[in-house]
């Protein structure tokens, strides 16, 4: 099993298939994944059951200092990112200073790169926390995960650490009143003896029903592109992805398919 971890607070800029020239920000430990999900496909690897004991987080001050320093370096080099993207080694909203870090990033963006957008990639498990939701509404792109239509498929794919239900996540997504982007990864295969497929007619029907309620500004569709921590996962081909996307079109929901 291979894993891909970021070993800096601020990394890049890198060319992103979704966000152009992206300057990445990792609010989480440099040596391990720290997340509320244990997704079967995650490029950061599997979530450790003792992560709470092992996780060492940089302080809010250390993170904002690192952002300030890197912004200053890029400005002097004449480089301007299209996006400042919070992703990193797990779920960025787990950092206790997340809201303050977003506020500071907005200020620094206005000072250094006013044309750049701020993007947060989140699994949507902490939207019930008011400060997290308020911070996400301040960024240009809050990109939130929705990988399944049914509770069973959600449990098989995302494997949440808490008893949080998919229906609760969907209700929180609806509450954003369309000011969000949904990100869905499609896959199929047999993992640990379980048949997993979120492209079946039943799953797609439920997923589309959720999206009709959520009414996002955009849905990003993609499939696995790197080695996965669990074996047996199959990539969904682009032709099938586009067929799924056409069904979003019938609902009037904008979409993009990424290879």
Protein backbone atom coordinates (compact mmCIF):
# COMPACT_ATOMS: atom_id res chain seq x y z
CA UNK A 1 0.00 0.00 0.00
CA UNK A 2 1.43 3.38 -1.00
CA UNK A 3 0.45 6.67 0.60
CA UNK A 4 0.87 10.27 -0.42
CA UNK A 5 1.41 12.76 2.41
CA UNK A 6 2.33 16.44 2.33
CA UNK A 7 5.37 17.23 4.46
CA UNK A 8 4.97 21.01 4.55
CA UNK A 9 2.35 23.43 5.85
CA UNK A 10 2.37 25.27 2.52
CA UNK A 11 3.32 23.37 -0.64
CA UNK A 12 3.56 24.18 -4.32
CA UNK A 13 2.37 25.90 -6.38
CA UNK A 14 1.44 22.75 -8.28
CA UNK A 15 -0.62 22.21 -11.41
CA UNK A 16 -4.00 20.86 -10.32
CA UNK A 17 -6.41 19.03 -12.63
CA UNK A 18 -9.23 20.89 -10.90
CA UNK A 19 -7.90 24.26 -9.72
CA UNK A 20 -5.19 25.40 -12.12
CA UNK A 21 -1.97 26.63 -10.50
CA UNK A 22 -2.68 25.81 -6.88
CA UNK A 23 -0.82 26.71 -3.71
CA UNK A 24 -1.65 23.98 -1.21
CA UNK A 25 -2.15 24.36 2.53
CA UNK A 26 -1.94 21.43 4.96
CA UNK A 27 -3.31 22.15 8.44
CA UNK A 28 -2.70 18.59 9.62
CA UNK A 29 0.26 16.49 10.82
CA UNK A 30 3.07 16.09 8.30
CA UNK A 31 3.72 12.41 9.05
CA UNK A 32 0.23 10.92 9.25
CA UNK A 33 -3.33 11.21 8.02
CA UNK A 34 -5.81 12.85 10.43
CA UNK A 35 -9.43 12.47 9.36
CA UNK A 36 -13.02 11.75 10.35
CA UNK A 37 -13.33 9.28 7.45
CA UNK A 38 -11.37 6.18 6.51
CA UNK A 39 -12.19 6.16 2.79
CA UNK A 40 -11.21 3.03 0.90
CA UNK A 41 -9.69 5.12 -1.92
CA UNK A 42 -7.83 7.85 0.00
CA UNK A 43 -4.42 8.72 -1.44
CA UNK A 44 -3.24 9.62 2.08
CA UNK A 45 -3.74 6.01 3.16
CA UNK A 46 -5.88 4.53 5.91
CA UNK A 47 -6.90 6.36 9.07
CA UNK A 48 -5.13 5.09 12.18
CA UNK A 49 -7.46 4.05 15.02
CA UNK A 50 -5.19 5.87 17.52
CA UNK A 51 -4.88 9.06 15.48
CA UNK A 52 -6.08 11.30 18.30
CA UNK A 53 -3.13 10.21 20.47
CA UNK A 54 -0.54 10.48 17.70
CA UNK A 55 -1.59 13.69 15.96
CA UNK A 56 0.62 16.73 16.46
CA UNK A 57 -0.88 19.89 14.98
CA UNK A 58 0.95 23.08 14.20
CA UNK A 59 -0.44 26.09 16.05
CA UNK A 60 -2.63 28.64 14.33
CA UNK A 61 0.23 31.14 14.65
CA UNK A 62 2.74 28.79 13.02
CA UNK A 63 0.38 28.16 10.12
CA UNK A 64 -0.43 31.83 9.48
CA UNK A 65 3.30 32.69 9.71
CA UNK A 66 4.06 29.99 7.13
CA UNK A 67 1.36 31.37 4.83
CA UNK A 68 2.65 34.91 5.18
CA UNK A 69 6.24 33.83 4.46
CA UNK A 70 5.32 31.76 1.38
CA UNK A 71 3.03 34.48 -0.03
CA UNK A 72 5.87 36.98 0.34
CA UNK A 73 8.33 34.62 -1.42
CA UNK A 74 5.98 34.01 -4.34
CA UNK A 75 5.28 37.72 -4.73
CA UNK A 76 9.01 38.46 -4.93
CA UNK A 77 9.43 35.66 -7.50
CA UNK A 78 6.62 37.09 -9.63
CA UNK A 79 4.48 33.95 -9.24
CA UNK A 80 0.75 34.23 -8.66
CA UNK A 81 -1.41 31.16 -7.90
CA UNK A 82 -4.90 30.71 -9.33
CA UNK A 83 -5.97 29.03 -6.12
CA UNK A 84 -5.01 28.76 -2.47
CA UNK A 85 -6.26 25.26 -1.68
CA UNK A 86 -6.79 23.80 1.79
CA UNK A 87 -6.53 20.03 1.47
CA UNK A 88 -3.56 18.21 2.95
CA UNK A 89 -3.32 15.03 5.00
CA UNK A 90 -6.95 14.48 5.92
CA UNK A 91 -9.83 16.72 6.97
CA UNK A 92 -8.72 20.40 7.24
CA UNK A 93 -11.66 21.50 9.40
CA UNK A 94 -10.34 19.30 12.23
CA UNK A 95 -7.78 21.98 13.07
CA UNK A 96 -9.13 23.89 16.12
CA UNK A 97 -7.99 27.19 14.59
CA UNK A 98 -9.62 26.55 11.21
CA UNK A 99 -11.95 29.56 11.28
CA UNK A 100 -9.19 31.96 12.36
CA UNK A 101 -6.81 30.56 9.72
CA UNK A 102 -9.42 31.14 7.01
CA UNK A 103 -9.92 34.74 8.17
CA UNK A 104 -6.18 35.37 8.07
CA UNK A 105 -5.85 33.72 4.65
CA UNK A 106 -8.59 35.96 3.25
CA UNK A 107 -6.66 38.99 4.51
CA UNK A 108 -3.34 37.76 3.07
CA UNK A 109 -4.96 36.86 -0.25
CA UNK A 110 -6.33 40.39 -0.55
CA UNK A 111 -2.90 41.80 0.25
CA UNK A 112 -0.78 39.59 -2.02
CA UNK A 113 -2.90 37.83 -4.66
CA UNK A 114 -6.31 39.51 -4.94
CA UNK A 115 -7.21 37.53 -8.09
CA UNK A 116 -6.57 34.15 -6.49
CA UNK A 117 -9.46 32.09 -5.19
CA UNK A 118 -9.53 30.29 -1.85
CA UNK A 119 -10.71 26.69 -1.93
CA UNK A 120 -11.34 24.23 0.88
CA UNK A 121 -11.68 20.49 0.20
CA UNK A 122 -13.72 18.98 3.03
CA UNK A 123 -15.54 15.71 3.67
CA UNK A 124 -18.55 17.63 5.09
CA UNK A 125 -18.52 15.85 8.46
CA UNK A 126 -18.13 19.00 10.58
CA UNK A 127 -20.69 21.30 9.00
CA UNK A 128 -22.79 21.17 12.18
CA UNK A 129 -20.12 23.27 13.92
CA UNK A 130 -21.14 26.95 13.43
CA UNK A 131 -17.58 28.31 13.17
CA UNK A 132 -16.69 25.75 10.49
CA UNK A 133 -19.77 26.51 8.43
CA UNK A 134 -19.25 30.28 8.73
CA UNK A 135 -15.61 29.93 7.64
CA UNK A 136 -16.55 27.81 4.62
CA UNK A 137 -19.07 30.43 3.53
CA UNK A 138 -16.24 33.02 3.44
CA UNK A 139 -14.15 31.19 0.83
CA UNK A 140 -14.67 31.20 -2.93
CA UNK A 141 -15.02 27.44 -3.30
CA UNK A 142 -16.13 25.20 -0.46
CA UNK A 143 -15.85 21.78 -2.09
CA UNK A 144 -17.73 19.16 -0.08
CA UNK A 145 -17.79 15.39 -0.48
CA UNK A 146 -20.83 13.29 -1.37
CA UNK A 147 -19.75 9.84 -2.56
CA UNK A 148 -22.92 7.81 -2.06
CA UNK A 149 -26.69 7.78 -2.29
CA UNK A 150 -27.48 5.20 0.39
CA UNK A 151 -26.41 4.90 4.01
CA UNK A 152 -24.97 1.44 3.27
CA UNK A 153 -22.75 2.60 0.40
CA UNK A 154 -21.63 5.63 2.42
CA UNK A 155 -20.54 3.29 5.22
CA UNK A 156 -18.71 0.99 2.79
CA UNK A 157 -16.88 3.76 0.90
CA UNK A 158 -16.25 6.50 3.49
CA UNK A 159 -16.21 4.43 6.70
CA UNK A 160 -16.92 7.32 9.11
CA UNK A 161 -15.16 7.32 12.46
CA UNK A 162 -18.32 8.52 14.24
CA UNK A 163 -21.96 7.37 13.95
CA UNK A 164 -22.70 10.39 11.72
CA UNK A 165 -25.30 9.40 9.14
CA UNK A 166 -25.34 10.33 5.47
CA UNK A 167 -28.80 11.85 5.92
CA UNK A 168 -27.38 14.27 8.51
CA UNK A 169 -24.60 15.31 6.14
CA UNK A 170 -27.10 15.86 3.31
CA UNK A 171 -29.27 18.04 5.56
CA UNK A 172 -26.24 20.18 6.40
CA UNK A 173 -25.36 20.47 2.70
CA UNK A 174 -28.91 21.60 1.91
CA UNK A 175 -28.50 24.34 4.51
CA UNK A 176 -25.74 25.96 2.41
CA UNK A 177 -28.52 27.08 0.01
CA UNK A 178 -26.48 26.30 -3.11
CA UNK A 179 -23.27 28.10 -2.09
CA UNK A 180 -21.10 25.02 -2.38
CA UNK A 181 -19.47 22.63 -4.82
CA UNK A 182 -20.08 18.89 -4.51
CA UNK A 183 -17.24 16.48 -5.19
CA UNK A 184 -18.04 12.82 -5.92
CA UNK A 185 -15.65 9.97 -6.59
CA UNK A 186 -17.13 7.03 -8.47
CA UNK A 187 -15.72 3.53 -8.09
CA UNK A 188 -16.60 -0.13 -8.15
CA UNK A 189 -15.03 -3.43 -7.14
CA UNK A 190 -14.80 -5.97 -4.36
CA UNK A 191 -13.09 -4.66 -1.22
CA UNK A 192 -12.53 -6.91 1.80
CA UNK A 193 -15.08 -9.32 0.37
CA UNK A 194 -17.76 -6.63 -0.05
CA UNK A 195 -19.20 -5.63 -3.43
CA UNK A 196 -18.94 -1.86 -3.72
CA UNK A 197 -20.41 0.16 -6.59
CA UNK A 198 -21.81 3.68 -6.35
CA UNK A 199 -22.69 3.72 -10.07
CA UNK A 200 -25.66 1.35 -9.85
CA UNK A 201 -29.08 2.65 -10.85
CA UNK A 202 -30.27 2.50 -7.23
CA UNK A 203 -27.27 4.46 -5.92
CA UNK A 204 -27.40 7.03 -8.69
CA UNK A 205 -31.12 7.59 -8.15
CA UNK A 206 -30.58 8.30 -4.45
CA UNK A 207 -27.48 10.44 -5.14
CA UNK A 208 -29.34 12.52 -7.73
CA UNK A 209 -32.20 12.96 -5.27
CA UNK A 210 -29.77 14.39 -2.71
CA UNK A 211 -28.27 16.73 -5.28
CA UNK A 212 -31.69 17.97 -6.32
CA UNK A 213 -32.24 19.04 -2.70
CA UNK A 214 -28.74 20.47 -2.28
CA UNK A 215 -28.75 22.37 -5.60
CA UNK A 216 -24.95 22.97 -5.69
CA UNK A 217 -23.30 25.53 -7.95
CA UNK A 218 -21.22 22.71 -9.49
CA UNK A 219 -20.65 18.97 -9.18
CA UNK A 220 -17.13 17.64 -9.75
CA UNK A 221 -17.05 14.01 -10.87
CA UNK A 222 -13.91 11.91 -10.82
CA UNK A 223 -12.63 8.40 -10.27
CA UNK A 224 -9.48 6.89 -8.82
CA UNK A 225 -6.27 8.16 -10.42
CA UNK A 226 -3.62 6.81 -8.02
CA UNK A 227 -2.98 3.57 -6.18
CA UNK A 228 -5.52 3.06 -3.41
CA UNK A 229 -4.93 1.81 0.15
CA UNK A 230 -7.53 -0.93 -0.22
CA UNK A 231 -7.18 -3.49 -2.99
CA UNK A 232 -9.86 -4.47 -5.52
CA UNK A 233 -11.02 -0.97 -6.51
CA UNK A 234 -11.74 -0.39 -10.20
CA UNK A 235 -11.66 2.92 -12.03
CA UNK A 236 -14.90 4.09 -13.62
CA UNK A 237 -14.25 4.98 -17.25
CA UNK A 238 -14.77 8.48 -18.57
CA UNK A 239 -17.61 7.45 -20.89
CA UNK A 240 -19.67 6.21 -17.94
CA UNK A 241 -18.77 9.31 -15.94
CA UNK A 242 -20.07 11.52 -18.74
CA UNK A 243 -23.27 9.47 -18.89
CA UNK A 244 -23.78 10.15 -15.17
CA UNK A 245 -23.02 13.83 -15.73
CA UNK A 246 -25.72 14.08 -18.40
CA UNK A 247 -28.26 13.14 -15.76
CA UNK A 248 -27.14 16.12 -13.70
CA UNK A 249 -27.68 18.26 -16.77
CA UNK A 250 -31.35 17.21 -16.81
CA UNK A 251 -31.62 18.61 -13.28
CA UNK A 252 -30.05 21.89 -14.36
CA UNK A 253 -26.94 21.28 -12.22
CA UNK A 254 -23.56 22.29 -13.74
CA UNK A 255 -20.88 19.57 -13.79
CA UNK A 256 -17.27 18.83 -14.64
CA UNK A 257 -15.69 15.43 -15.22
CA UNK A 258 -12.03 15.00 -14.28
CA UNK A 259 -9.81 12.14 -15.44
